[in-house]
């Protein structure tokens, strides 16, 4: 028998650490190839790490909530080893790569290579995104950290809850349905639990008098990014109110079309198309200031970031090559992106390399805001709530659908003239959206 350490891999570009969210196995569990060992959080994404080995778990090197450096041991697995010809080396290396494994020290290619229950077999290796069934006792409950926190606050044993989410995951609604009936208990004063920095925050009456929350995971990413943005880029903003009655009518006609019954159309769909169209006319808006290289970088492709209010907090995944999509393609991409972000399925790759961002505060009933600029981009557009408002048309006062849009931009390389031209172009698109 021998032991192998599974080291925390770099699941993103330049990752230096990650937080352990949920262990799927415990010491003594037997694991199979590609069985999910642990959920980690990094770069605003939760990633499942599958096992590159077969064997028995003999040690877990971190607790849930701990921050672990890349290359540090996560779990130690023990199994038997036997000698086999070197021809088996290729599938072993492929399996370790797919499972995000780090080749153990001393496993450099030789004329013969060790292979056993610790080494991945030559059979088919599934993608890490493929659902796997864990045999360990800890895998019986699948729930995101905010859901676990809610269950703790409501006195719900997750082991007794049937999950209705993807792959049997327990959702907030599942927990709410499982809350014990309090009809026979003494009445309590009204209390409301709210989400804050990606977690369920106890109500005013039930929470601790003073609560401290560790700055890690998504909160740390957001804090660092916003601080660097404020300190490194001089930011300016401008805004305009737009009559979007034609946009509202266009969306209504799309929703009424039976051919598009499987698609979701919202003002954001046409706003995204307007942003892409504006970038084609004014490529300079899709740029960023590279201070290290002393260059301004113009990108003639658009990875369109969309701010999503997910369970873990605000995420900004991006639609890759959004400039190549038509209206229907954009609707599908936005639906898929937002759904997976809210389900906690966003990958680190989808969070990286955005070129322009849209933040939509309309669903909260807010008219407008001046957002901060995401790092690595030159501009961000904010979309407020579409409301019925008095409007002057041909010197007549009428009621129209009106929205306020604003744009923050990096004033180091984007001047007011360019920013104004881009915002005016977006406004004109929404005022009279094309029918194609």
Protein backbone atom coordinates (compact mmCIF):
# COMPACT_ATOMS: atom_id res chain seq x y z
CA UNK A 1 0.00 0.00 0.00
CA UNK A 2 1.18 3.51 -0.70
CA UNK A 3 -0.17 7.01 -0.24
CA UNK A 4 -0.55 9.90 -2.66
CA UNK A 5 -1.34 13.52 -1.87
CA UNK A 6 -3.84 15.29 -4.13
CA UNK A 7 -2.57 18.87 -4.37
CA UNK A 8 -4.76 21.91 -4.92
CA UNK A 9 -4.49 22.64 -8.67
CA UNK A 10 -4.63 25.99 -10.44
CA UNK A 11 -8.16 25.82 -11.88
CA UNK A 12 -7.90 29.35 -13.26
CA UNK A 13 -5.22 31.53 -14.82
CA UNK A 14 -2.66 32.46 -12.20
CA UNK A 15 -4.68 31.19 -9.23
CA UNK A 16 -2.68 31.31 -6.00
CA UNK A 17 -5.24 30.07 -3.47
CA UNK A 18 -8.82 28.87 -3.03
CA UNK A 19 -11.30 28.33 -0.21
CA UNK A 20 -12.60 24.91 0.75
CA UNK A 21 -16.40 25.10 0.55
CA UNK A 22 -17.72 21.57 1.08
CA UNK A 23 -15.99 18.22 1.54
CA UNK A 24 -17.75 15.42 -0.33
CA UNK A 25 -15.70 12.67 1.37
CA UNK A 26 -14.45 11.86 4.87
CA UNK A 27 -11.49 9.92 6.25
CA UNK A 28 -12.11 6.22 5.69
CA UNK A 29 -14.19 6.64 2.53
CA UNK A 30 -13.21 4.62 -0.51
CA UNK A 31 -13.12 6.78 -3.65
CA UNK A 32 -13.14 5.93 -7.32
CA UNK A 33 -11.66 7.71 -10.31
CA UNK A 34 -13.29 11.11 -10.98
CA UNK A 35 -15.46 10.96 -7.84
CA UNK A 36 -15.92 14.51 -6.57
CA UNK A 37 -13.75 15.06 -3.50
CA UNK A 38 -14.41 18.68 -2.61
CA UNK A 39 -15.99 21.95 -3.75
CA UNK A 40 -13.59 24.90 -3.79
CA UNK A 41 -14.28 28.58 -4.39
CA UNK A 42 -11.97 30.85 -6.32
CA UNK A 43 -12.29 33.72 -8.79
CA UNK A 44 -16.01 34.01 -7.97
CA UNK A 45 -16.70 30.43 -9.06
CA UNK A 46 -17.33 27.18 -7.18
CA UNK A 47 -15.45 24.28 -8.78
CA UNK A 48 -15.82 20.55 -8.09
CA UNK A 49 -12.48 18.74 -7.85
CA UNK A 50 -12.66 15.07 -8.93
CA UNK A 51 -10.25 12.44 -7.67
CA UNK A 52 -7.37 11.45 -9.97
CA UNK A 53 -6.80 8.35 -7.81
CA UNK A 54 -8.58 5.21 -6.61
CA UNK A 55 -8.20 4.25 -2.99
CA UNK A 56 -9.12 5.09 0.59
CA UNK A 57 -9.08 8.60 2.07
CA UNK A 58 -6.60 8.64 4.97
CA UNK A 59 -6.35 12.41 5.60
CA UNK A 60 -8.09 15.69 4.84
CA UNK A 61 -5.62 18.58 5.09
CA UNK A 62 -8.09 21.46 5.40
CA UNK A 63 -11.43 22.21 7.04
CA UNK A 64 -14.44 23.74 5.32
CA UNK A 65 -13.84 27.50 5.18
CA UNK A 66 -10.03 27.20 5.17
CA UNK A 67 -7.98 28.99 2.52
CA UNK A 68 -5.47 26.68 0.80
CA UNK A 69 -2.52 27.70 -1.37
CA UNK A 70 -2.17 26.20 -4.85
CA UNK A 71 0.18 23.20 -4.70
CA UNK A 72 -0.65 22.42 -1.07
CA UNK A 73 -2.07 19.00 -0.12
CA UNK A 74 -5.85 18.75 0.00
CA UNK A 75 -6.40 15.07 0.62
CA UNK A 76 -4.25 11.94 0.99
CA UNK A 77 -5.44 8.72 -0.65
CA UNK A 78 -4.00 5.26 -0.01
CA UNK A 79 -4.04 2.28 -2.38
CA UNK A 80 -2.08 -0.65 -3.73
CA UNK A 81 0.65 -0.28 -6.38
CA UNK A 82 1.88 -2.73 -8.99
CA UNK A 83 4.33 -2.46 -11.85
CA UNK A 84 2.99 -2.18 -15.42
CA UNK A 85 4.59 -1.35 -18.80
CA UNK A 86 5.13 2.30 -19.67
CA UNK A 87 2.40 2.11 -22.33
CA UNK A 88 -0.11 2.86 -19.62
CA UNK A 89 1.51 6.21 -18.88
CA UNK A 90 -0.48 8.24 -21.42
CA UNK A 91 -3.98 7.48 -20.10
CA UNK A 92 -2.69 8.06 -16.57
CA UNK A 93 -1.41 11.55 -17.48
CA UNK A 94 -4.64 12.35 -19.32
CA UNK A 95 -6.77 11.31 -16.37
CA UNK A 96 -4.74 13.39 -13.96
CA UNK A 97 -5.02 16.40 -16.28
CA UNK A 98 -8.78 16.07 -16.67
CA UNK A 99 -9.16 15.66 -12.93
CA UNK A 100 -7.08 18.81 -12.32
CA UNK A 101 -4.47 16.59 -10.66
CA UNK A 102 -0.84 17.56 -10.07
CA UNK A 103 1.64 14.84 -10.93
CA UNK A 104 3.24 13.62 -7.67
CA UNK A 105 6.93 14.20 -7.23
CA UNK A 106 9.01 11.39 -8.66
CA UNK A 107 6.48 10.39 -11.33
CA UNK A 108 8.49 11.68 -14.28
CA UNK A 109 8.34 9.44 -17.40
CA UNK A 110 10.65 6.41 -17.22
CA UNK A 111 10.91 3.11 -19.05
CA UNK A 112 8.42 1.73 -16.55
CA UNK A 113 5.76 3.51 -14.59
CA UNK A 114 3.89 2.60 -11.41
CA UNK A 115 0.24 1.85 -11.77
CA UNK A 116 -2.43 0.55 -9.41
CA UNK A 117 -5.58 1.43 -7.54
CA UNK A 118 -3.91 4.78 -6.96
CA UNK A 119 -3.38 5.42 -10.65
CA UNK A 120 -6.31 6.20 -12.99
CA UNK A 121 -7.28 3.25 -15.15
CA UNK A 122 -7.17 3.25 -18.93
CA UNK A 123 -10.95 3.21 -19.15
CA UNK A 124 -12.93 6.25 -20.32
CA UNK A 125 -12.46 9.37 -18.20
CA UNK A 126 -15.49 11.60 -17.79
CA UNK A 127 -15.32 15.38 -17.84
CA UNK A 128 -15.19 17.05 -14.40
CA UNK A 129 -18.52 18.68 -15.22
CA UNK A 130 -20.19 15.26 -15.58
CA UNK A 131 -22.26 14.49 -12.47
CA UNK A 132 -20.68 11.71 -10.39
CA UNK A 133 -22.11 9.72 -7.53
CA UNK A 134 -20.08 9.75 -4.36
CA UNK A 135 -20.09 6.66 -2.13
CA UNK A 136 -18.93 8.49 0.97
CA UNK A 137 -21.36 9.42 3.71
CA UNK A 138 -20.69 13.15 3.31
CA UNK A 139 -22.02 13.06 -0.25
CA UNK A 140 -25.57 12.32 0.87
CA UNK A 141 -26.27 16.03 1.20
CA UNK A 142 -25.70 18.44 -1.70
CA UNK A 143 -26.33 22.09 -0.86
CA UNK A 144 -24.58 25.40 -1.51
CA UNK A 145 -23.05 27.23 1.50
CA UNK A 146 -25.86 29.85 1.68
CA UNK A 147 -28.44 27.06 1.73
CA UNK A 148 -26.55 25.28 4.52
CA UNK A 149 -26.45 28.52 6.48
CA UNK A 150 -30.19 29.02 5.99
CA UNK A 151 -30.87 25.47 7.17
CA UNK A 152 -28.80 26.09 10.29
CA UNK A 153 -30.73 29.28 11.04
CA UNK A 154 -34.11 27.61 10.53
CA UNK A 155 -33.27 24.46 12.49
CA UNK A 156 -33.52 22.13 9.49
CA UNK A 157 -31.50 18.91 9.30
CA UNK A 158 -30.36 18.74 5.66
CA UNK A 159 -30.06 14.96 5.89
CA UNK A 160 -33.88 14.81 6.12
CA UNK A 161 -34.53 17.09 3.12
CA UNK A 162 -35.18 15.86 -0.42
CA UNK A 163 -33.33 18.09 -2.89
CA UNK A 164 -35.21 19.26 -5.99
CA UNK A 165 -32.31 21.18 -7.54
CA UNK A 166 -29.86 20.03 -10.23
CA UNK A 167 -28.42 16.57 -9.48
CA UNK A 168 -30.51 16.41 -6.32
CA UNK A 169 -29.06 19.56 -4.76
CA UNK A 170 -31.05 21.09 -1.91
CA UNK A 171 -32.40 24.56 -2.70
CA UNK A 172 -33.59 27.44 -0.53
CA UNK A 173 -37.19 26.47 -1.33
CA UNK A 174 -36.52 22.90 -0.15
CA UNK A 175 -35.26 24.23 3.18
CA UNK A 176 -38.21 26.60 3.58
CA UNK A 177 -40.64 23.74 3.00
CA UNK A 178 -38.85 21.67 5.64
CA UNK A 179 -39.02 24.31 8.38
CA UNK A 180 -40.77 22.74 11.40
CA UNK A 181 -44.38 23.81 11.89
CA UNK A 182 -44.35 26.50 14.53
CA UNK A 183 -48.12 26.67 14.93
CA UNK A 184 -47.93 24.92 18.28
CA UNK A 185 -45.04 26.97 19.63
CA UNK A 186 -45.07 30.37 21.21
CA UNK A 187 -45.37 33.16 18.64
CA UNK A 188 -42.20 35.01 17.75
CA UNK A 189 -41.66 38.55 16.66
CA UNK A 190 -41.37 38.93 12.87
CA UNK A 191 -37.84 38.32 11.61
CA UNK A 192 -36.32 38.34 8.17
CA UNK A 193 -33.07 36.74 7.06
CA UNK A 194 -31.33 38.56 4.23
CA UNK A 195 -28.39 37.82 1.97
CA UNK A 196 -25.22 39.77 2.60
CA UNK A 197 -21.73 39.27 1.09
CA UNK A 198 -22.85 35.94 -0.38
CA UNK A 199 -24.33 34.40 2.78
CA UNK A 200 -27.57 34.32 4.72
CA UNK A 201 -27.46 37.03 7.37
CA UNK A 202 -29.52 36.44 10.50
CA UNK A 203 -32.35 38.86 11.17
CA UNK A 204 -31.99 41.90 13.42
CA UNK A 205 -33.74 40.12 16.33
CA UNK A 206 -32.10 36.70 15.98
CA UNK A 207 -28.54 37.57 15.00
CA UNK A 208 -25.54 38.15 17.25
CA UNK A 209 -25.14 41.59 18.76
CA UNK A 210 -21.89 41.98 16.83
CA UNK A 211 -20.99 39.62 13.99
CA UNK A 212 -17.66 39.35 12.19
CA UNK A 213 -17.42 37.90 8.70
CA UNK A 214 -14.09 36.76 7.29
CA UNK A 215 -13.04 38.58 4.13
CA UNK A 216 -12.44 35.65 1.81
CA UNK A 217 -13.79 34.02 -1.31
CA UNK A 218 -16.16 36.16 -3.35
CA UNK A 219 -16.07 38.99 -0.80
CA UNK A 220 -12.27 39.20 -1.00
CA UNK A 221 -12.32 39.16 -4.82
CA UNK A 222 -14.92 41.95 -4.92
CA UNK A 223 -13.19 44.08 -2.28
CA UNK A 224 -9.77 43.82 -3.92
CA UNK A 225 -11.13 44.50 -7.41
CA UNK A 226 -13.20 47.53 -6.42
CA UNK A 227 -10.38 49.03 -4.35
CA UNK A 228 -7.88 48.63 -7.18
CA UNK A 229 -10.40 50.04 -9.66
CA UNK A 230 -11.00 53.13 -7.54
CA UNK A 231 -7.31 53.75 -6.93
CA UNK A 232 -5.95 53.00 -10.39
CA UNK A 233 -8.47 54.40 -12.89
CA UNK A 234 -9.83 57.98 -12.94
CA UNK A 235 -13.50 57.35 -13.68
CA UNK A 236 -16.13 59.61 -15.19
CA UNK A 237 -19.79 59.02 -15.95
CA UNK A 238 -22.68 60.30 -18.04
CA UNK A 239 -26.32 59.32 -18.40
CA UNK A 240 -29.45 59.83 -20.49
CA UNK A 241 -33.18 59.07 -20.22
CA UNK A 242 -34.63 57.24 -23.20
CA UNK A 243 -38.12 56.64 -24.56
CA UNK A 244 -38.04 52.85 -25.01
CA UNK A 245 -41.70 52.35 -25.95
CA UNK A 246 -40.64 50.77 -29.25
CA UNK A 247 -38.29 48.40 -27.40
CA UNK A 248 -41.09 47.34 -25.05
CA UNK A 249 -43.39 46.71 -28.03
CA UNK A 250 -40.66 44.73 -29.82
CA UNK A 251 -40.12 42.53 -26.77
CA UNK A 252 -43.87 41.92 -26.46
CA UNK A 253 -44.04 40.73 -30.06
CA UNK A 254 -41.08 38.37 -29.53
CA UNK A 255 -42.64 36.87 -26.40
CA UNK A 256 -45.93 36.34 -28.23
CA UNK A 257 -44.27 34.39 -31.06
CA UNK A 258 -44.84 30.61 -30.52
CA UNK A 259 -41.56 29.87 -32.32
CA UNK A 260 -39.66 31.52 -29.47
CA UNK A 261 -41.55 29.91 -26.58
CA UNK A 262 -38.34 28.42 -25.18
CA UNK A 263 -36.55 31.79 -25.04
CA UNK A 264 -36.68 34.58 -22.48
CA UNK A 265 -36.69 38.14 -23.81
CA UNK A 266 -36.14 41.13 -21.52
CA UNK A 267 -34.95 44.72 -21.97
CA UNK A 268 -31.46 43.38 -21.24
CA UNK A 269 -31.60 41.35 -24.47
CA UNK A 270 -31.96 44.44 -26.63
CA UNK A 271 -29.58 46.47 -24.46
CA UNK A 272 -26.92 43.84 -25.08
CA UNK A 273 -27.53 44.03 -28.83
CA UNK A 274 -27.33 47.83 -28.64
CA UNK A 275 -23.97 47.69 -26.84
CA UNK A 276 -22.53 45.32 -29.43
CA UNK A 277 -23.79 47.53 -32.26
CA UNK A 278 -22.26 50.61 -30.62
CA UNK A 279 -18.89 48.86 -30.31
CA UNK A 280 -18.91 48.08 -34.02
CA UNK A 281 -19.35 51.78 -34.76
CA UNK A 282 -16.98 52.98 -32.00
CA UNK A 283 -14.36 50.24 -31.37
CA UNK A 284 -12.47 52.46 -28.93
CA UNK A 285 -15.10 51.87 -26.26
CA UNK A 286 -14.14 48.17 -26.17
CA UNK A 287 -10.64 48.83 -24.86
CA UNK A 288 -8.61 48.98 -21.68
CA UNK A 289 -5.63 50.87 -20.32
CA UNK A 290 -2.64 48.55 -19.85
CA UNK A 291 -0.50 50.57 -17.44
CA UNK A 292 2.18 47.86 -17.14
CA UNK A 293 2.82 47.88 -20.90
CA UNK A 294 2.10 51.60 -21.26
CA UNK A 295 -0.43 50.79 -23.99
CA UNK A 296 -4.13 51.13 -24.70
CA UNK A 297 -5.50 47.81 -25.98
CA UNK A 298 -8.47 47.89 -28.41
CA UNK A 299 -10.28 44.57 -28.77
CA UNK A 300 -12.37 43.89 -31.85
CA UNK A 301 -14.25 41.09 -30.18
CA UNK A 302 -16.64 41.52 -27.28
CA UNK A 303 -16.82 39.30 -24.23
CA UNK A 304 -19.90 40.90 -22.75
CA UNK A 305 -20.00 40.78 -18.95
CA UNK A 306 -23.44 40.58 -17.31
CA UNK A 307 -23.78 41.32 -13.60
CA UNK A 308 -25.89 38.56 -11.99
CA UNK A 309 -27.33 38.63 -8.48
CA UNK A 310 -26.50 35.02 -7.56
CA UNK A 311 -26.89 33.22 -4.24
CA UNK A 312 -23.18 33.67 -3.42
CA UNK A 313 -23.25 37.37 -4.25
CA UNK A 314 -22.74 39.51 -7.34
CA UNK A 315 -21.11 37.59 -10.18
CA UNK A 316 -20.09 38.97 -13.58
CA UNK A 317 -19.73 36.09 -16.07
CA UNK A 318 -19.38 37.09 -19.70
CA UNK A 319 -20.82 36.00 -23.03
CA UNK A 320 -17.84 35.11 -25.17
CA UNK A 321 -17.76 36.71 -28.64
CA UNK A 322 -21.12 38.40 -28.11
CA UNK A 323 -20.49 40.47 -31.24
CA UNK A 324 -21.05 37.33 -33.34
CA UNK A 325 -24.57 36.67 -32.02
CA UNK A 326 -27.89 37.61 -33.56
CA UNK A 327 -30.91 38.52 -31.41
CA UNK A 328 -32.02 34.91 -30.83
CA UNK A 329 -28.47 33.80 -30.08
CA UNK A 330 -28.08 36.64 -27.59
CA UNK A 331 -31.33 35.68 -25.84
CA UNK A 332 -30.16 32.07 -25.50
CA UNK A 333 -26.70 33.09 -24.28
CA UNK A 334 -28.02 35.50 -21.65
CA UNK A 335 -30.57 32.98 -20.38
CA UNK A 336 -27.98 30.23 -20.09
CA UNK A 337 -25.40 32.50 -18.47
CA UNK A 338 -27.73 33.92 -15.82
CA UNK A 339 -29.35 30.56 -15.00
CA UNK A 340 -26.03 28.81 -14.45
CA UNK A 341 -24.68 31.73 -12.41
CA UNK A 342 -27.68 31.55 -10.08
CA UNK A 343 -27.27 27.76 -9.83
CA UNK A 344 -23.60 28.15 -8.89
CA UNK A 345 -22.34 26.51 -12.09
CA UNK A 346 -20.30 29.41 -13.46
CA UNK A 347 -16.75 28.38 -14.38
CA UNK A 348 -13.61 30.48 -13.79
CA UNK A 349 -13.19 30.77 -17.55
CA UNK A 350 -16.60 32.42 -17.88
CA UNK A 351 -15.59 34.99 -15.28
CA UNK A 352 -12.33 35.92 -17.02
CA UNK A 353 -11.40 38.22 -19.90
CA UNK A 354 -14.52 40.37 -20.07
CA UNK A 355 -14.19 43.43 -22.32
CA UNK A 356 -17.37 45.41 -21.52
CA UNK A 357 -19.95 45.04 -18.75
CA UNK A 358 -23.70 45.64 -18.34
CA UNK A 359 -25.24 45.91 -14.89
CA UNK A 360 -29.03 45.83 -14.72
CA UNK A 361 -30.59 47.40 -11.61
CA UNK A 362 -34.06 47.65 -13.15
CA UNK A 363 -35.44 44.50 -11.47
CA UNK A 364 -34.87 46.20 -8.09
CA UNK A 365 -37.05 49.16 -9.09
CA UNK A 366 -34.08 51.56 -9.15
CA UNK A 367 -34.01 54.34 -11.75
CA UNK A 368 -30.27 54.81 -12.15
CA UNK A 369 -26.79 54.52 -10.69
CA UNK A 370 -23.14 55.22 -11.46
CA UNK A 371 -21.38 51.84 -11.35
CA UNK A 372 -17.68 51.33 -10.70
CA UNK A 373 -15.49 50.19 -13.56
CA UNK A 374 -14.50 46.49 -13.62
CA UNK A 375 -10.75 45.93 -13.86
CA UNK A 376 -9.40 45.27 -17.32
CA UNK A 377 -12.19 47.12 -19.12
CA UNK A 378 -12.78 50.65 -20.34
CA UNK A 379 -16.50 51.10 -19.71
CA UNK A 380 -19.58 49.72 -17.96
CA UNK A 381 -23.24 50.42 -18.78
CA UNK A 382 -25.94 50.63 -16.11
CA UNK A 383 -29.62 50.05 -16.99
CA UNK A 384 -32.38 51.28 -14.69
CA UNK A 385 -36.03 50.37 -14.34
CA UNK A 386 -38.40 50.83 -17.30
CA UNK A 387 -41.28 52.94 -16.00
CA UNK A 388 -44.33 54.72 -17.39
CA UNK A 389 -43.51 58.43 -17.49
CA UNK A 390 -44.87 61.67 -18.96
CA UNK A 391 -43.02 62.45 -22.19
CA UNK A 392 -43.26 65.18 -24.80
CA UNK A 393 -43.85 63.96 -28.37
CA UNK A 394 -44.51 66.52 -31.10
CA UNK A 395 -45.19 69.13 -28.43
CA UNK A 396 -47.85 66.87 -26.89
CA UNK A 397 -47.61 65.38 -23.39
CA UNK A 398 -48.04 61.59 -23.57
CA UNK A 399 -47.27 58.58 -21.40
CA UNK A 400 -44.28 56.54 -22.59
CA UNK A 401 -42.04 53.71 -21.38
CA UNK A 402 -38.84 55.41 -20.20
CA UNK A 403 -35.54 54.12 -18.87
CA UNK A 404 -32.38 55.80 -17.63
CA UNK A 405 -29.04 54.41 -18.79
CA UNK A 406 -25.65 55.55 -17.56
CA UNK A 407 -22.08 54.73 -18.43
CA UNK A 408 -18.91 54.87 -16.36
CA UNK A 409 -15.66 54.99 -18.31
CA UNK A 410 -11.90 55.13 -17.82
CA UNK A 411 -11.04 58.77 -18.45
CA UNK A 412 -7.37 57.98 -18.99
CA UNK A 413 -8.05 56.98 -22.57
CA UNK A 414 -11.79 57.41 -23.23
CA UNK A 415 -12.78 61.05 -23.50
CA UNK A 416 -16.20 62.61 -23.08
CA UNK A 417 -16.81 62.87 -26.81
CA UNK A 418 -16.36 59.15 -27.43
CA UNK A 419 -18.35 58.17 -24.34
CA UNK A 420 -21.18 60.53 -25.30
CA UNK A 421 -21.25 59.18 -28.85
CA UNK A 422 -21.46 55.60 -27.62
CA UNK A 423 -24.21 56.31 -25.09
CA UNK A 424 -26.19 58.28 -27.69
CA UNK A 425 -25.85 55.36 -30.13
CA UNK A 426 -27.16 52.90 -27.53
CA UNK A 427 -30.05 55.26 -26.75
CA UNK A 428 -30.95 55.57 -30.43
CA UNK A 429 -30.92 51.78 -30.84
CA UNK A 430 -33.31 51.35 -27.90
CA UNK A 431 -35.49 54.19 -29.13
CA UNK A 432 -35.95 52.48 -32.51
CA UNK A 433 -34.74 48.84 -32.34
CA UNK A 434 -34.29 47.06 -35.68
CA UNK A 435 -36.79 44.35 -36.62
CA UNK A 436 -34.22 41.78 -37.73
